[in-house]
PDB file of all heavy atoms in Angstrom:
ATOM      1  N   PRO A   1     -62.232  38.299   5.266  1.00  0.00           N
ATOM      2  CA  PRO A   1     -62.458  39.603   4.806  1.00  0.00           C
ATOM      3  C   PRO A   1     -63.108  39.655   3.378  1.00  0.00           C
ATOM      4  O   PRO A   1     -62.810  38.759   2.573  1.00  0.00           O
ATOM      5  CB  PRO A   1     -61.087  40.286   4.836  1.00  0.00           C
ATOM      6  CG  PRO A   1     -60.282  39.430   5.759  1.00  0.00           C
ATOM      7  CD  PRO A   1     -60.805  38.090   5.636  1.00  0.00           C
ATOM      8  N   ALA A   2     -63.887  40.670   3.120  1.00  0.00           N
ATOM      9  CA  ALA A   2     -64.463  40.861   1.759  1.00  0.00           C
ATOM     10  C   ALA A   2     -63.319  41.046   0.798  1.00  0.00           C
ATOM     11  O   ALA A   2     -62.271  41.671   1.066  1.00  0.00           O
ATOM     12  CB  ALA A   2     -65.354  42.055   1.762  1.00  0.00           C
ATOM     13  N   GLY A   3     -63.535  40.553  -0.439  1.00  0.00           N
ATOM     14  CA  GLY A   3     -62.507  40.681  -1.487  1.00  0.00           C
ATOM     15  C   GLY A   3     -61.406  39.731  -1.427  1.00  0.00           C
ATOM     16  O   GLY A   3     -60.441  39.757  -2.260  1.00  0.00           O
ATOM     17  N   THR A   4     -61.493  38.721  -0.497  1.00  0.00           N
ATOM     18  CA  THR A   4     -60.401  37.718  -0.419  1.00  0.00           C
ATOM     19  C   THR A   4     -60.447  36.765  -1.628  1.00  0.00           C
ATOM     20  O   THR A   4     -61.524  36.267  -2.005  1.00  0.00           O
ATOM     21  CB  THR A   4     -60.572  36.907   0.892  1.00  0.00           C
ATOM     22  OG1 THR A   4     -60.389  37.791   2.000  1.00  0.00           O
ATOM     23  CG2 THR A   4     -59.623  35.738   0.966  1.00  0.00           C
ATOM     24  N   ARG A   5     -59.356  36.472  -2.176  1.00  0.00           N
ATOM     25  CA  ARG A   5     -59.294  35.540  -3.308  1.00  0.00           C
ATOM     26  C   ARG A   5     -59.344  34.112  -2.740  1.00  0.00           C
ATOM     27  O   ARG A   5     -58.782  33.819  -1.728  1.00  0.00           O
ATOM     28  CB  ARG A   5     -57.930  35.672  -4.049  1.00  0.00           C
ATOM     29  CG  ARG A   5     -57.792  34.702  -5.258  1.00  0.00           C
ATOM     30  CD  ARG A   5     -56.464  34.923  -6.030  1.00  0.00           C
ATOM     31  NE  ARG A   5     -56.297  34.024  -7.094  1.00  0.00           N
ATOM     32  CZ  ARG A   5     -55.268  33.917  -7.868  1.00  0.00           C
ATOM     33  NH1 ARG A   5     -54.293  34.806  -7.702  1.00  0.00           N
ATOM     34  NH2 ARG A   5     -55.216  33.050  -8.853  1.00  0.00           N
ATOM     35  N   VAL A   6     -60.159  33.264  -3.392  1.00  0.00           N
ATOM     36  CA  VAL A   6     -60.477  31.878  -2.827  1.00  0.00           C
ATOM     37  C   VAL A   6     -59.912  30.880  -3.789  1.00  0.00           C
ATOM     38  O   VAL A   6     -60.095  30.905  -5.008  1.00  0.00           O
ATOM     39  CB  VAL A   6     -61.941  31.690  -2.687  1.00  0.00           C
ATOM     40  CG1 VAL A   6     -62.215  30.256  -2.191  1.00  0.00           C
ATOM     41  CG2 VAL A   6     -62.496  32.717  -1.632  1.00  0.00           C
ATOM     42  N   ILE A   7     -59.184  29.919  -3.245  1.00  0.00           N
ATOM     43  CA  ILE A   7     -58.680  28.731  -3.957  1.00  0.00           C
ATOM     44  C   ILE A   7     -59.499  27.515  -3.399  1.00  0.00           C
ATOM     45  O   ILE A   7     -59.425  27.303  -2.207  1.00  0.00           O
ATOM     46  CB  ILE A   7     -57.157  28.531  -3.708  1.00  0.00           C
ATOM     47  CG1 ILE A   7     -56.383  29.668  -4.387  1.00  0.00           C
ATOM     48  CG2 ILE A   7     -56.754  27.111  -4.259  1.00  0.00           C
ATOM     49  CD1 ILE A   7     -54.858  29.574  -4.057  1.00  0.00           C
ATOM     50  N   ASP A   8     -60.140  26.860  -4.271  1.00  0.00           N
ATOM     51  CA  ASP A   8     -60.900  25.653  -3.910  1.00  0.00           C
ATOM     52  C   ASP A   8     -59.941  24.483  -3.789  1.00  0.00           C
ATOM     53  O   ASP A   8     -59.508  24.004  -4.808  1.00  0.00           O
ATOM     54  CB  ASP A   8     -62.069  25.395  -4.875  1.00  0.00           C
ATOM     55  CG  ASP A   8     -62.954  24.243  -4.475  1.00  0.00           C
ATOM     56  OD1 ASP A   8     -62.684  23.658  -3.383  1.00  0.00           O
ATOM     57  OD2 ASP A   8     -63.817  23.836  -5.243  1.00  0.00           O
ATOM     58  N   ALA A   9     -59.755  23.943  -2.577  1.00  0.00           N
ATOM     59  CA  ALA A   9     -58.868  22.851  -2.395  1.00  0.00           C
ATOM     60  C   ALA A   9     -59.681  21.584  -1.988  1.00  0.00           C
ATOM     61  O   ALA A   9     -58.996  20.622  -1.428  1.00  0.00           O
ATOM     62  CB  ALA A   9     -57.857  23.156  -1.311  1.00  0.00           C
ATOM     63  N   GLY A  10     -60.866  21.481  -2.320  1.00  0.00           N
ATOM     64  CA  GLY A  10     -61.657  20.301  -2.060  1.00  0.00           C
ATOM     65  C   GLY A  10     -61.046  19.053  -2.660  1.00  0.00           C
ATOM     66  O   GLY A  10     -60.731  19.030  -3.852  1.00  0.00           O
ATOM     67  N   GLY A  11     -60.837  18.030  -1.840  1.00  0.00           N
ATOM     68  CA  GLY A  11     -60.284  16.785  -2.346  1.00  0.00           C
ATOM     69  C   GLY A  11     -58.765  16.810  -2.514  1.00  0.00           C
ATOM     70  O   GLY A  11     -58.097  15.817  -2.923  1.00  0.00           O
ATOM     71  N   LEU A  12     -58.105  17.895  -2.075  1.00  0.00           N
ATOM     72  CA  LEU A  12     -56.703  18.087  -2.298  1.00  0.00           C
ATOM     73  C   LEU A  12     -55.952  18.216  -0.890  1.00  0.00           C
ATOM     74  O   LEU A  12     -56.598  18.481   0.099  1.00  0.00           O
ATOM     75  CB  LEU A  12     -56.388  19.352  -3.128  1.00  0.00           C
ATOM     76  CG  LEU A  12     -57.072  19.407  -4.494  1.00  0.00           C
ATOM     77  CD1 LEU A  12     -56.799  20.765  -5.131  1.00  0.00           C
ATOM     78  CD2 LEU A  12     -56.715  18.259  -5.373  1.00  0.00           C
ATOM     79  N   LEU A  13     -54.680  18.008  -0.912  1.00  0.00           N
ATOM     80  CA  LEU A  13     -53.843  18.218   0.255  1.00  0.00           C
ATOM     81  C   LEU A  13     -53.348  19.627   0.292  1.00  0.00           C
ATOM     82  O   LEU A  13     -52.874  20.140  -0.760  1.00  0.00           O
ATOM     83  CB  LEU A  13     -52.700  17.194   0.346  1.00  0.00           C
ATOM     84  CG  LEU A  13     -53.023  15.732   0.278  1.00  0.00           C
ATOM     85  CD1 LEU A  13     -51.752  14.897   0.232  1.00  0.00           C
ATOM     86  CD2 LEU A  13     -53.855  15.363   1.485  1.00  0.00           C
ATOM     87  N   VAL A  14     -53.360  20.256   1.412  1.00  0.00           N
ATOM     88  CA  VAL A  14     -52.767  21.623   1.579  1.00  0.00           C
ATOM     89  C   VAL A  14     -51.601  21.431   2.562  1.00  0.00           C
ATOM     90  O   VAL A  14     -51.754  20.965   3.714  1.00  0.00           O
ATOM     91  CB  VAL A  14     -53.848  22.584   2.101  1.00  0.00           C
ATOM     92  CG1 VAL A  14     -53.194  23.985   2.292  1.00  0.00           C
ATOM     93  CG2 VAL A  14     -55.009  22.651   1.197  1.00  0.00           C
ATOM     94  N   THR A  15     -50.413  21.811   2.111  1.00  0.00           N
ATOM     95  CA  THR A  15     -49.193  21.612   2.948  1.00  0.00           C
ATOM     96  C   THR A  15     -48.379  22.846   3.022  1.00  0.00           C
ATOM     97  O   THR A  15     -48.518  23.782   2.166  1.00  0.00           O
ATOM     98  CB  THR A  15     -48.368  20.460   2.313  1.00  0.00           C
ATOM     99  OG1 THR A  15     -47.713  20.970   1.178  1.00  0.00           O
ATOM    100  CG2 THR A  15     -49.203  19.301   1.917  1.00  0.00           C
ATOM    101  N   PRO A  16     -47.467  22.903   3.922  1.00  0.00           N
ATOM    102  CA  PRO A  16     -46.414  23.952   3.818  1.00  0.00           C
ATOM    103  C   PRO A  16     -45.657  23.817   2.458  1.00  0.00           C
ATOM    104  O   PRO A  16     -45.577  22.708   1.946  1.00  0.00           O
ATOM    105  CB  PRO A  16     -45.488  23.724   5.018  1.00  0.00           C
ATOM    106  CG  PRO A  16     -46.279  22.842   5.915  1.00  0.00           C
ATOM    107  CD  PRO A  16     -47.174  22.042   5.063  1.00  0.00           C
ATOM    108  N   GLY A  17     -45.134  24.922   1.944  1.00  0.00           N
ATOM    109  CA  GLY A  17     -44.300  24.803   0.795  1.00  0.00           C
ATOM    110  C   GLY A  17     -43.079  23.905   1.063  1.00  0.00           C
ATOM    111  O   GLY A  17     -42.509  23.961   2.170  1.00  0.00           O
ATOM    112  N   PHE A  18     -42.684  23.121   0.121  1.00  0.00           N
ATOM    113  CA  PHE A  18     -41.571  22.219   0.342  1.00  0.00           C
ATOM    114  C   PHE A  18     -40.249  23.000   0.389  1.00  0.00           C
ATOM    115  O   PHE A  18     -40.051  23.967  -0.340  1.00  0.00           O
ATOM    116  CB  PHE A  18     -41.530  21.064  -0.724  1.00  0.00           C
ATOM    117  CG  PHE A  18     -42.818  20.368  -0.875  1.00  0.00           C
ATOM    118  CD1 PHE A  18     -43.145  19.786  -2.051  1.00  0.00           C
ATOM    119  CD2 PHE A  18     -43.639  20.180   0.255  1.00  0.00           C
ATOM    120  CE1 PHE A  18     -44.335  19.093  -2.192  1.00  0.00           C
ATOM    121  CE2 PHE A  18     -44.833  19.404   0.149  1.00  0.00           C
ATOM    122  CZ  PHE A  18     -45.195  18.875  -1.157  1.00  0.00           C
ATOM    123  N   ILE A  19     -39.371  22.524   1.240  1.00  0.00           N
ATOM    124  CA  ILE A  19     -38.024  23.046   1.403  1.00  0.00           C
ATOM    125  C   ILE A  19     -36.998  22.091   0.915  1.00  0.00           C
ATOM    126  O   ILE A  19     -36.971  20.980   1.380  1.00  0.00           O
ATOM    127  CB  ILE A  19     -37.712  23.412   2.881  1.00  0.00           C
ATOM    128  CG1 ILE A  19     -38.688  24.504   3.354  1.00  0.00           C
ATOM    129  CG2 ILE A  19     -36.301  23.838   3.074  1.00  0.00           C
ATOM    130  CD1 ILE A  19     -38.708  24.733   4.871  1.00  0.00           C
ATOM    131  N   ASP A  20     -36.266  22.443  -0.089  1.00  0.00           N
ATOM    132  CA  ASP A  20     -35.264  21.518  -0.679  1.00  0.00           C
ATOM    133  C   ASP A  20     -33.919  21.906  -0.054  1.00  0.00           C
ATOM    134  O   ASP A  20     -33.317  22.932  -0.389  1.00  0.00           O
ATOM    135  CB  ASP A  20     -35.203  21.690  -2.204  1.00  0.00           C
ATOM    136  CG  ASP A  20     -34.371  20.622  -2.841  1.00  0.00           C
ATOM    137  OD1 ASP A  20     -33.547  19.990  -2.193  1.00  0.00           O
ATOM    138  OD2 ASP A  20     -34.553  20.420  -4.067  1.00  0.00           O
ATOM    139  N   PRO A  21     -33.366  21.083   0.895  1.00  0.00           N
ATOM    140  CA  PRO A  21     -32.211  21.396   1.599  1.00  0.00           C
ATOM    141  C   PRO A  21     -30.924  21.241   0.888  1.00  0.00           C
ATOM    142  O   PRO A  21     -29.812  21.638   1.293  1.00  0.00           O
ATOM    143  CB  PRO A  21     -32.243  20.500   2.871  1.00  0.00           C
ATOM    144  CG  PRO A  21     -32.934  19.281   2.336  1.00  0.00           C
ATOM    145  CD  PRO A  21     -33.978  19.784   1.356  1.00  0.00           C
ATOM    146  N   HIS A  22     -31.002  20.541  -0.309  1.00  0.00           N
ATOM    147  CA  HIS A  22     -29.772  20.202  -1.015  1.00  0.00           C
ATOM    148  C   HIS A  22     -29.972  20.414  -2.515  1.00  0.00           C
ATOM    149  O   HIS A  22     -30.490  19.597  -3.264  1.00  0.00           O
ATOM    150  CB  HIS A  22     -29.324  18.803  -0.763  1.00  0.00           C
ATOM    151  CG  HIS A  22     -27.950  18.502  -1.226  1.00  0.00           C
ATOM    152  ND1 HIS A  22     -26.896  18.498  -0.387  1.00  0.00           N
ATOM    153  CD2 HIS A  22     -27.433  18.245  -2.420  1.00  0.00           C
ATOM    154  CE1 HIS A  22     -25.747  18.311  -1.077  1.00  0.00           C
ATOM    155  NE2 HIS A  22     -26.083  18.105  -2.361  1.00  0.00           N
ATOM    156  N   THR A  23     -29.542  21.614  -2.953  1.00  0.00           N
ATOM    157  CA  THR A  23     -29.746  21.975  -4.365  1.00  0.00           C
ATOM    158  C   THR A  23     -28.373  22.549  -4.893  1.00  0.00           C
ATOM    159  O   THR A  23     -27.494  23.044  -4.077  1.00  0.00           O
ATOM    160  CB  THR A  23     -30.866  22.949  -4.642  1.00  0.00           C
ATOM    161  OG1 THR A  23     -30.382  24.319  -4.458  1.00  0.00           O
ATOM    162  CG2 THR A  23     -32.045  22.704  -3.721  1.00  0.00           C
ATOM    163  N   HIS A  24     -28.282  22.648  -6.253  1.00  0.00           N
ATOM    164  CA  HIS A  24     -27.184  23.289  -6.850  1.00  0.00           C
ATOM    165  C   HIS A  24     -27.752  24.280  -7.849  1.00  0.00           C
ATOM    166  O   HIS A  24     -27.332  24.452  -8.968  1.00  0.00           O
ATOM    167  CB  HIS A  24     -26.292  22.308  -7.553  1.00  0.00           C
ATOM    168  CG  HIS A  24     -25.582  21.373  -6.575  1.00  0.00           C
ATOM    169  ND1 HIS A  24     -24.425  21.729  -5.843  1.00  0.00           N
ATOM    170  CD2 HIS A  24     -25.911  20.131  -6.125  1.00  0.00           C
ATOM    171  CE1 HIS A  24     -24.094  20.764  -5.089  1.00  0.00           C
ATOM    172  NE2 HIS A  24     -25.018  19.791  -5.182  1.00  0.00           N
ATOM    173  N   SER A  25     -28.736  25.046  -7.385  1.00  0.00           N
ATOM    174  CA  SER A  25     -29.462  26.108  -8.185  1.00  0.00           C
ATOM    175  C   SER A  25     -28.790  27.445  -7.991  1.00  0.00           C
ATOM    176  O   SER A  25     -29.410  28.497  -8.301  1.00  0.00           O
ATOM    177  CB  SER A  25     -30.922  26.182  -7.738  1.00  0.00           C
ATOM    178  OG  SER A  25     -31.539  24.964  -8.019  1.00  0.00           O
ATOM    179  N   ASP A  26     -27.513  27.498  -7.588  1.00  0.00           N
ATOM    180  CA  ASP A  26     -26.925  28.793  -7.252  1.00  0.00           C
ATOM    181  C   ASP A  26     -26.999  29.824  -8.362  1.00  0.00           C
ATOM    182  O   ASP A  26     -27.129  30.996  -8.054  1.00  0.00           O
ATOM    183  CB  ASP A  26     -25.399  28.558  -6.908  1.00  0.00           C
ATOM    184  CG  ASP A  26     -25.222  27.474  -5.820  1.00  0.00           C
ATOM    185  OD1 ASP A  26     -25.566  26.337  -6.064  1.00  0.00           O
ATOM    186  OD2 ASP A  26     -24.677  27.846  -4.776  1.00  0.00           O
ATOM    187  N   VAL A  27     -26.811  29.422  -9.632  1.00  0.00           N
ATOM    188  CA  VAL A  27     -26.819  30.409 -10.670  1.00  0.00           C
ATOM    189  C   VAL A  27     -28.130  30.438 -11.396  1.00  0.00           C
ATOM    190  O   VAL A  27     -28.305  31.261 -12.379  1.00  0.00           O
ATOM    191  CB  VAL A  27     -25.671  30.198 -11.702  1.00  0.00           C
ATOM    192  CG1 VAL A  27     -24.324  30.229 -10.959  1.00  0.00           C
ATOM    193  CG2 VAL A  27     -25.846  28.846 -12.427  1.00  0.00           C
ATOM    194  N   VAL A  28     -29.097  29.673 -11.091  1.00  0.00           N
ATOM    195  CA  VAL A  28     -30.407  29.599 -11.783  1.00  0.00           C
ATOM    196  C   VAL A  28     -31.121  31.011 -11.772  1.00  0.00           C
ATOM    197  O   VAL A  28     -31.633  31.389 -12.791  1.00  0.00           O
ATOM    198  CB  VAL A  28     -31.366  28.522 -11.131  1.00  0.00           C
ATOM    199  CG1 VAL A  28     -32.734  28.628 -11.667  1.00  0.00           C
ATOM    200  CG2 VAL A  28     -30.766  27.134 -11.467  1.00  0.00           C
ATOM    201  N   PRO A  29     -31.041  31.750 -10.702  1.00  0.00           N
ATOM    202  CA  PRO A  29     -31.673  33.076 -10.749  1.00  0.00           C
ATOM    203  C   PRO A  29     -31.170  34.003 -11.834  1.00  0.00           C
ATOM    204  O   PRO A  29     -31.852  35.012 -12.234  1.00  0.00           O
ATOM    205  CB  PRO A  29     -31.413  33.679  -9.362  1.00  0.00           C
ATOM    206  CG  PRO A  29     -31.258  32.460  -8.453  1.00  0.00           C
ATOM    207  CD  PRO A  29     -30.553  31.505  -9.367  1.00  0.00           C
ATOM    208  N   PHE A  30     -29.945  33.760 -12.320  1.00  0.00           N
ATOM    209  CA  PHE A  30     -29.331  34.637 -13.356  1.00  0.00           C
ATOM    210  C   PHE A  30     -29.709  34.184 -14.759  1.00  0.00           C
ATOM    211  O   PHE A  30     -29.343  34.941 -15.737  1.00  0.00           O
ATOM    212  CB  PHE A  30     -27.824  34.651 -13.217  1.00  0.00           C
ATOM    213  CG  PHE A  30     -27.384  35.063 -11.782  1.00  0.00           C
ATOM    214  CD1 PHE A  30     -26.760  34.180 -10.991  1.00  0.00           C
ATOM    215  CD2 PHE A  30     -27.677  36.273 -11.287  1.00  0.00           C
ATOM    216  CE1 PHE A  30     -26.389  34.463  -9.706  1.00  0.00           C
ATOM    217  CE2 PHE A  30     -27.272  36.634 -10.007  1.00  0.00           C
ATOM    218  CZ  PHE A  30     -26.666  35.679  -9.214  1.00  0.00           C
ATOM    219  N   MET A  31     -30.408  33.059 -14.934  1.00  0.00           N
ATOM    220  CA  MET A  31     -30.791  32.656 -16.266  1.00  0.00           C
ATOM    221  C   MET A  31     -31.849  33.645 -16.869  1.00  0.00           C
ATOM    222  O   MET A  31     -32.562  34.302 -16.100  1.00  0.00           O
ATOM    223  CB  MET A  31     -31.402  31.223 -16.255  1.00  0.00           C
ATOM    224  CG  MET A  31     -30.286  30.273 -15.792  1.00  0.00           C
ATOM    225  SD  MET A  31     -30.924  28.528 -15.586  1.00  0.00           S
ATOM    226  CE  MET A  31     -31.172  28.050 -17.262  1.00  0.00           C
ATOM    227  N   ALA A  32     -31.785  33.784 -18.185  1.00  0.00           N
ATOM    228  CA  ALA A  32     -32.559  34.825 -18.835  1.00  0.00           C
ATOM    229  C   ALA A  32     -34.120  34.717 -18.513  1.00  0.00           C
ATOM    230  O   ALA A  32     -34.753  35.721 -18.337  1.00  0.00           O
ATOM    231  CB  ALA A  32     -32.330  34.755 -20.316  1.00  0.00           C
ATOM    232  N   GLU A  33     -34.585  33.501 -18.524  1.00  0.00           N
ATOM    233  CA  GLU A  33     -36.032  33.281 -18.269  1.00  0.00           C
ATOM    234  C   GLU A  33     -36.221  32.683 -16.876  1.00  0.00           C
ATOM    235  O   GLU A  33     -35.356  31.950 -16.378  1.00  0.00           O
ATOM    236  CB  GLU A  33     -36.592  32.312 -19.301  1.00  0.00           C
ATOM    237  CG  GLU A  33     -36.545  32.736 -20.722  1.00  0.00           C
ATOM    238  CD  GLU A  33     -37.314  34.096 -20.946  1.00  0.00           C
ATOM    239  OE1 GLU A  33     -38.402  34.206 -20.295  1.00  0.00           O
ATOM    240  OE2 GLU A  33     -36.847  34.918 -21.760  1.00  0.00           O
ATOM    241  N   PRO A  34     -37.290  33.017 -16.208  1.00  0.00           N
ATOM    242  CA  PRO A  34     -37.567  32.424 -14.920  1.00  0.00           C
ATOM    243  C   PRO A  34     -37.719  30.901 -15.050  1.00  0.00           C
ATOM    244  O   PRO A  34     -38.313  30.431 -16.049  1.00  0.00           O
ATOM    245  CB  PRO A  34     -38.905  33.115 -14.477  1.00  0.00           C
ATOM    246  CG  PRO A  34     -39.484  33.619 -15.694  1.00  0.00           C
ATOM    247  CD  PRO A  34     -38.394  33.942 -16.613  1.00  0.00           C
ATOM    248  N   GLN A  35     -37.183  30.232 -14.115  1.00  0.00           N
ATOM    249  CA  GLN A  35     -37.185  28.706 -14.190  1.00  0.00           C
ATOM    250  C   GLN A  35     -38.131  28.123 -13.154  1.00  0.00           C
ATOM    251  O   GLN A  35     -37.818  28.130 -11.941  1.00  0.00           O
ATOM    252  CB  GLN A  35     -35.743  28.221 -13.938  1.00  0.00           C
ATOM    253  CG  GLN A  35     -34.693  28.735 -14.902  1.00  0.00           C
ATOM    254  CD  GLN A  35     -34.968  28.301 -16.294  1.00  0.00           C
ATOM    255  OE1 GLN A  35     -35.229  27.109 -16.542  1.00  0.00           O
ATOM    256  NE2 GLN A  35     -34.908  29.142 -17.271  1.00  0.00           N
ATOM    257  N   PRO A  36     -39.283  27.608 -13.577  1.00  0.00           N
ATOM    258  CA  PRO A  36     -40.306  27.101 -12.610  1.00  0.00           C
ATOM    259  C   PRO A  36     -40.153  25.626 -12.220  1.00  0.00           C
ATOM    260  O   PRO A  36     -41.060  25.057 -11.647  1.00  0.00           O
ATOM    261  CB  PRO A  36     -41.560  27.376 -13.398  1.00  0.00           C
ATOM    262  CG  PRO A  36     -41.209  27.053 -14.793  1.00  0.00           C
ATOM    263  CD  PRO A  36     -39.817  27.596 -14.966  1.00  0.00           C
ATOM    264  N   PHE A  37     -39.029  25.044 -12.514  1.00  0.00           N
ATOM    265  CA  PHE A  37     -38.898  23.585 -12.373  1.00  0.00           C
ATOM    266  C   PHE A  37     -39.093  23.090 -10.962  1.00  0.00           C
ATOM    267  O   PHE A  37     -39.537  21.961 -10.714  1.00  0.00           O
ATOM    268  CB  PHE A  37     -37.583  23.056 -12.938  1.00  0.00           C
ATOM    269  CG  PHE A  37     -36.331  23.471 -12.188  1.00  0.00           C
ATOM    270  CD1 PHE A  37     -35.490  22.540 -11.662  1.00  0.00           C
ATOM    271  CD2 PHE A  37     -35.994  24.834 -12.087  1.00  0.00           C
ATOM    272  CE1 PHE A  37     -34.328  22.943 -10.957  1.00  0.00           C
ATOM    273  CE2 PHE A  37     -34.855  25.216 -11.433  1.00  0.00           C
ATOM    274  CZ  PHE A  37     -34.008  24.251 -10.860  1.00  0.00           C
ATOM    275  N   LYS A  38     -38.838  23.960  -9.981  1.00  0.00           N
ATOM    276  CA  LYS A  38     -39.055  23.572  -8.575  1.00  0.00           C
ATOM    277  C   LYS A  38     -40.480  23.983  -8.105  1.00  0.00           C
ATOM    278  O   LYS A  38     -41.128  23.259  -7.411  1.00  0.00           O
ATOM    279  CB  LYS A  38     -38.002  24.230  -7.689  1.00  0.00           C
ATOM    280  CG  LYS A  38     -36.609  23.603  -7.776  1.00  0.00           C
ATOM    281  CD  LYS A  38     -36.650  22.181  -7.307  1.00  0.00           C
ATOM    282  CE  LYS A  38     -35.321  21.571  -7.261  1.00  0.00           C
ATOM    283  NZ  LYS A  38     -34.375  22.235  -6.296  1.00  0.00           N
ATOM    284  N   LEU A  39     -40.917  25.199  -8.564  1.00  0.00           N
ATOM    285  CA  LEU A  39     -42.347  25.521  -8.229  1.00  0.00           C
ATOM    286  C   LEU A  39     -43.342  24.534  -8.628  1.00  0.00           C
ATOM    287  O   LEU A  39     -44.381  24.318  -7.952  1.00  0.00           O
ATOM    288  CB  LEU A  39     -42.631  26.925  -8.804  1.00  0.00           C
ATOM    289  CG  LEU A  39     -41.732  28.080  -8.359  1.00  0.00           C
ATOM    290  CD1 LEU A  39     -42.146  29.320  -9.130  1.00  0.00           C
ATOM    291  CD2 LEU A  39     -41.797  28.342  -6.912  1.00  0.00           C
ATOM    292  N   LEU A  40     -43.117  23.913  -9.807  1.00  0.00           N
ATOM    293  CA  LEU A  40     -44.041  22.920 -10.344  1.00  0.00           C
ATOM    294  C   LEU A  40     -44.030  21.626  -9.482  1.00  0.00           C
ATOM    295  O   LEU A  40     -44.887  20.753  -9.744  1.00  0.00           O
ATOM    296  CB  LEU A  40     -43.774  22.635 -11.787  1.00  0.00           C
ATOM    297  CG  LEU A  40     -44.011  23.804 -12.734  1.00  0.00           C
ATOM    298  CD1 LEU A  40     -43.380  23.517 -14.109  1.00  0.00           C
ATOM    299  CD2 LEU A  40     -45.464  24.131 -12.876  1.00  0.00           C
TER     300      LEU A  40
END
């Protein structure tokens, strides 16, 4: 469709987002600043 944002992935791998089945991030959402350590 027109207006679609494009990400150029040439030379890169495109995968499903990773699922971490074993974490102890239970209280991380309550930290004052967003924590990107898993997104990165």
